[in-house]
Amino acid sequence: MAKRRRVIGAKEKAKVALAAVKEQKTARELSTHFKVHITQVGAWKKKLIEAAPEIFERDYKGSREQEFKQRESELYEEIGRLKMELEWVKKKAATFD
């Protein structure tokens, strides 16, 4: 009977990758400790290092985008208010003519 492959979750992979980035233990020690192949330790470490800038970039873009959308809605509200006031002033000015 064939042995089933172990499915490793994202959290487990993140733990291994972070431990590898810290470099307090060798890749061999980490592979033994977490019971994964040594090439997986290196691959996950590389993936974490490559993806780290994107994680922080998304946070920055997301918050800037939210600020932009909020400011845009505030400006549209103000435009609506000013249009209403202008119509009111035009209406009142027409009565003085």
Protein backbone atom coordinates (compact mmCIF):
# COMPACT_ATOMS: atom_id res chain seq x y z
CA MET A 1 0.00 0.00 0.00
CA ALA A 2 1.37 3.40 -1.00
CA LYS A 3 2.13 5.94 1.67
CA ARG A 4 -0.01 9.11 1.51
CA ARG A 5 1.78 12.40 1.10
CA ARG A 6 1.64 14.78 4.01
CA VAL A 7 -0.21 17.99 3.21
CA ILE A 8 1.51 20.97 4.79
CA GLY A 9 -0.60 24.05 5.44
CA ALA A 10 0.30 27.65 4.83
CA LYS A 11 0.87 28.37 8.53
CA GLU A 12 3.32 25.49 8.82
CA LYS A 13 5.16 26.65 5.70
CA ALA A 14 5.34 30.17 7.11
CA LYS A 15 6.82 28.87 10.37
CA VAL A 16 9.49 26.95 8.50
CA ALA A 17 10.28 29.89 6.21
CA LEU A 18 10.53 32.35 9.11
CA ALA A 19 12.78 29.99 11.02
CA ALA A 20 14.97 29.68 7.93
CA VAL A 21 15.14 33.45 7.48
CA LYS A 22 16.20 33.88 11.12
CA GLU A 23 19.15 31.56 10.39
CA GLN A 24 19.46 30.43 14.00
CA LYS A 25 19.49 26.82 12.84
CA THR A 26 20.81 25.23 9.68
CA ALA A 27 18.50 24.08 6.94
CA ARG A 28 19.30 20.47 7.84
CA GLU A 29 18.29 21.06 11.47
CA LEU A 30 15.06 22.78 10.40
CA SER A 31 14.18 19.98 7.99
CA THR A 32 14.65 17.44 10.76
CA HIS A 33 12.73 19.49 13.31
CA PHE A 34 9.74 20.22 11.04
CA LYS A 35 9.93 16.85 9.25
CA VAL A 36 10.14 18.32 5.74
CA HIS A 37 12.66 17.85 2.96
CA ILE A 38 15.66 20.17 3.04
CA THR A 39 14.92 21.52 -0.45
CA GLN A 40 11.47 22.59 0.76
CA VAL A 41 13.05 24.66 3.53
CA GLY A 42 15.14 26.52 0.98
CA ALA A 43 12.25 26.94 -1.45
CA TRP A 44 9.90 28.33 1.19
CA LYS A 45 12.60 30.67 2.51
CA LYS A 46 13.21 31.99 -1.00
CA LYS A 47 9.49 32.42 -1.62
CA LEU A 48 9.05 34.35 1.63
CA ILE A 49 11.93 36.69 0.85
CA GLU A 50 10.63 37.34 -2.67
CA ALA A 51 7.04 37.93 -1.55
CA ALA A 52 7.79 40.15 1.47
CA PRO A 53 7.97 43.46 -0.45
CA GLU A 54 4.64 42.74 -2.14
CA ILE A 55 2.94 42.21 1.20
CA PHE A 56 3.91 45.66 2.42
CA GLU A 57 3.25 47.24 -0.96
CA ARG A 58 -0.33 45.97 -0.95
CA ASP A 59 -0.93 47.46 2.50
CA TYR A 60 0.33 50.83 1.32
CA LYS A 61 -1.67 50.79 -1.90
CA GLY A 62 -4.78 49.61 -0.12
CA SER A 63 -4.72 52.35 2.49
CA ARG A 64 -3.95 55.03 -0.11
CA GLU A 65 -6.77 53.76 -2.29
CA GLN A 66 -9.22 53.89 0.64
CA GLU A 67 -8.13 57.45 1.46
CA PHE A 68 -8.60 58.44 -2.18
CA LYS A 69 -12.11 56.92 -2.35
CA GLN A 70 -13.12 58.57 0.91
CA ARG A 71 -11.84 61.96 -0.21
CA GLU A 72 -13.57 61.53 -3.58
CA SER A 73 -16.94 60.84 -1.93
CA GLU A 74 -16.50 63.87 0.34
CA LEU A 75 -15.79 66.07 -2.67
CA TYR A 76 -18.85 64.77 -4.55
CA GLU A 77 -20.99 65.56 -1.50
CA GLU A 78 -19.59 69.07 -1.38
CA ILE A 79 -20.23 69.54 -5.12
CA GLY A 80 -23.85 68.47 -4.60
CA ARG A 81 -24.27 70.89 -1.71
CA LEU A 82 -22.76 73.76 -3.69
CA LYS A 83 -25.02 73.04 -6.69
CA MET A 84 -28.06 73.17 -4.41
CA GLU A 85 -26.92 76.48 -2.90
CA LEU A 86 -26.27 77.93 -6.38
CA GLU A 87 -29.74 76.96 -7.55
CA TRP A 88 -31.24 78.53 -4.43
CA VAL A 89 -29.28 81.77 -4.97
CA LYS A 90 -30.30 81.88 -8.64
CA LYS A 91 -33.93 81.39 -7.64
CA LYS A 92 -33.77 84.19 -5.05
CA ALA A 93 -31.90 86.50 -7.46
CA ALA A 94 -34.62 85.98 -10.07
CA THR A 95 -37.22 87.39 -7.68
CA PHE A 96 -35.25 90.68 -7.39
CA ASP A 97 -35.21 91.29 -11.17
